[in-house]
């Protein structure tokens, strides 16, 4: 888990196409595999995490 200030790290935000705040990026085996944008309900985040771990 990491937090990134997109104003101070614009190149990283551009690399992962972050256009809205908040954005949660999911990585698996070092690769970006999914993104959740906006205020996402806890149940939806849990489902994404379980799917990616499974």
N, C-alpha and C. Protein backbone atom coordinates (compact mmCIF):
# COMPACT_ATOMS: atom_id res chain seq x y z
N UNK A 1 0.86 -1.16 0.00
CA UNK A 1 0.00 0.00 0.00
C UNK A 1 0.91 1.22 0.00
N UNK A 2 0.58 2.17 -0.85
CA UNK A 2 1.36 3.40 -0.92
C UNK A 2 0.45 4.56 -1.27
N UNK A 3 0.85 5.74 -0.84
CA UNK A 3 0.11 6.97 -1.14
C UNK A 3 1.04 7.86 -1.94
N UNK A 4 0.49 8.51 -2.96
CA UNK A 4 1.32 9.34 -3.84
C UNK A 4 0.68 10.71 -4.00
N UNK A 5 1.46 11.76 -3.82
CA UNK A 5 1.01 13.13 -4.08
C UNK A 5 1.17 13.37 -5.57
N UNK A 6 0.06 13.37 -6.31
CA UNK A 6 0.14 13.49 -7.77
C UNK A 6 0.61 14.87 -8.22
N UNK A 7 0.44 15.89 -7.37
CA UNK A 7 0.94 17.22 -7.73
C UNK A 7 2.46 17.25 -7.73
N UNK A 8 3.07 16.50 -6.83
CA UNK A 8 4.53 16.48 -6.75
C UNK A 8 5.15 15.35 -7.56
N UNK A 9 4.33 14.45 -8.07
CA UNK A 9 4.82 13.31 -8.85
C UNK A 9 4.01 13.18 -10.14
N UNK A 10 3.99 14.24 -10.92
CA UNK A 10 3.15 14.28 -12.12
C UNK A 10 3.54 13.23 -13.15
N UNK A 11 4.81 12.91 -13.26
CA UNK A 11 5.22 11.91 -14.25
C UNK A 11 4.66 10.53 -13.90
N UNK A 12 4.62 10.20 -12.62
CA UNK A 12 4.05 8.92 -12.20
C UNK A 12 2.55 8.90 -12.45
N UNK A 13 1.88 9.99 -12.14
CA UNK A 13 0.43 10.09 -12.38
C UNK A 13 0.14 9.93 -13.87
N UNK A 14 0.93 10.56 -14.71
CA UNK A 14 0.74 10.43 -16.16
C UNK A 14 1.03 9.01 -16.63
N UNK A 15 2.04 8.39 -16.07
CA UNK A 15 2.41 7.02 -16.47
C UNK A 15 1.25 6.05 -16.27
N UNK A 16 0.50 6.24 -15.18
CA UNK A 16 -0.60 5.34 -14.87
C UNK A 16 -1.96 5.95 -15.20
N UNK A 17 -1.97 7.05 -15.96
CA UNK A 17 -3.19 7.68 -16.47
C UNK A 17 -4.16 8.06 -15.35
N UNK A 18 -3.62 8.60 -14.26
CA UNK A 18 -4.47 9.05 -13.15
C UNK A 18 -5.03 10.40 -13.53
N UNK A 19 -6.37 10.45 -13.68
CA UNK A 19 -7.03 11.68 -14.09
C UNK A 19 -7.95 12.22 -13.02
N UNK A 20 -8.32 11.39 -12.06
CA UNK A 20 -9.23 11.80 -10.99
C UNK A 20 -8.67 11.38 -9.64
N UNK A 21 -9.04 12.16 -8.64
CA UNK A 21 -8.63 11.88 -7.28
C UNK A 21 -9.91 11.67 -6.47
N UNK A 22 -10.05 10.65 -5.69
CA UNK A 22 -9.07 9.60 -5.44
C UNK A 22 -9.08 8.52 -6.52
N UNK A 23 -7.95 7.91 -6.72
CA UNK A 23 -7.80 6.74 -7.59
C UNK A 23 -7.01 5.69 -6.83
N UNK A 24 -7.46 4.46 -6.91
CA UNK A 24 -6.74 3.34 -6.29
C UNK A 24 -6.30 2.43 -7.41
N UNK A 25 -5.00 2.23 -7.52
CA UNK A 25 -4.45 1.36 -8.55
C UNK A 25 -4.08 0.03 -7.93
N UNK A 26 -4.43 -1.04 -8.61
CA UNK A 26 -4.13 -2.39 -8.14
C UNK A 26 -3.03 -2.99 -9.00
N UNK A 27 -2.06 -3.58 -8.32
CA UNK A 27 -0.94 -4.20 -9.00
C UNK A 27 -0.87 -5.67 -8.61
N UNK A 28 -0.49 -6.51 -9.57
CA UNK A 28 -0.29 -7.93 -9.30
C UNK A 28 0.99 -8.33 -10.01
N UNK A 29 1.89 -8.96 -9.28
CA UNK A 29 3.18 -9.37 -9.83
C UNK A 29 3.91 -8.19 -10.47
N UNK A 30 3.77 -6.99 -9.84
CA UNK A 30 4.47 -5.81 -10.32
C UNK A 30 3.84 -5.12 -11.51
N UNK A 31 2.66 -5.60 -11.95
CA UNK A 31 2.00 -5.01 -13.12
C UNK A 31 0.67 -4.40 -12.72
N UNK A 32 0.36 -3.25 -13.29
CA UNK A 32 -0.91 -2.57 -13.04
C UNK A 32 -2.03 -3.39 -13.70
N UNK A 33 -2.99 -3.86 -12.88
CA UNK A 33 -4.03 -4.74 -13.41
C UNK A 33 -5.45 -4.18 -13.29
N UNK A 34 -5.67 -3.17 -12.46
CA UNK A 34 -7.02 -2.62 -12.30
C UNK A 34 -6.94 -1.27 -11.62
N UNK A 35 -8.01 -0.49 -11.75
CA UNK A 35 -8.08 0.83 -11.13
C UNK A 35 -9.49 1.07 -10.62
N UNK A 36 -9.59 1.68 -9.46
CA UNK A 36 -10.87 2.13 -8.92
C UNK A 36 -10.78 3.64 -8.80
N UNK A 37 -11.78 4.34 -9.36
CA UNK A 37 -11.76 5.80 -9.38
C UNK A 37 -12.95 6.34 -8.61
N UNK A 38 -12.70 7.35 -7.79
CA UNK A 38 -13.77 7.99 -7.04
C UNK A 38 -14.02 7.31 -5.71
N UNK A 39 -15.12 7.70 -5.09
CA UNK A 39 -15.51 7.13 -3.80
C UNK A 39 -16.16 5.78 -4.04
N UNK A 40 -15.39 4.73 -3.90
CA UNK A 40 -15.86 3.37 -4.17
C UNK A 40 -16.30 2.72 -2.86
N UNK A 41 -17.47 2.07 -2.86
CA UNK A 41 -17.92 1.39 -1.64
C UNK A 41 -16.95 0.30 -1.20
N UNK A 42 -16.87 0.10 0.10
CA UNK A 42 -15.96 -0.90 0.67
C UNK A 42 -16.21 -2.28 0.06
N UNK A 43 -17.47 -2.66 -0.12
CA UNK A 43 -17.79 -3.97 -0.67
C UNK A 43 -17.19 -4.15 -2.07
N UNK A 44 -17.21 -3.10 -2.87
CA UNK A 44 -16.65 -3.18 -4.22
C UNK A 44 -15.13 -3.33 -4.17
N UNK A 45 -14.48 -2.63 -3.25
CA UNK A 45 -13.03 -2.76 -3.11
C UNK A 45 -12.65 -4.16 -2.64
N UNK A 46 -13.41 -4.70 -1.68
CA UNK A 46 -13.15 -6.05 -1.19
C UNK A 46 -13.29 -7.06 -2.33
N UNK A 47 -14.32 -6.88 -3.16
CA UNK A 47 -14.54 -7.81 -4.29
C UNK A 47 -13.36 -7.75 -5.26
N UNK A 48 -12.88 -6.55 -5.57
CA UNK A 48 -11.74 -6.42 -6.49
C UNK A 48 -10.50 -7.10 -5.91
N UNK A 49 -10.26 -6.85 -4.62
CA UNK A 49 -9.07 -7.45 -3.99
C UNK A 49 -9.17 -8.96 -3.98
N UNK A 50 -10.32 -9.49 -3.60
CA UNK A 50 -10.49 -10.95 -3.58
C UNK A 50 -10.34 -11.55 -4.97
N UNK A 51 -10.87 -10.87 -5.99
CA UNK A 51 -10.75 -11.37 -7.36
C UNK A 51 -9.30 -11.39 -7.80
N UNK A 52 -8.56 -10.33 -7.46
CA UNK A 52 -7.16 -10.26 -7.86
C UNK A 52 -6.28 -11.24 -7.10
N UNK A 53 -6.65 -11.56 -5.87
CA UNK A 53 -5.87 -12.52 -5.08
C UNK A 53 -6.16 -13.96 -5.48
N UNK A 54 -7.34 -14.18 -6.02
CA UNK A 54 -7.79 -15.55 -6.36
C UNK A 54 -7.24 -16.12 -7.60
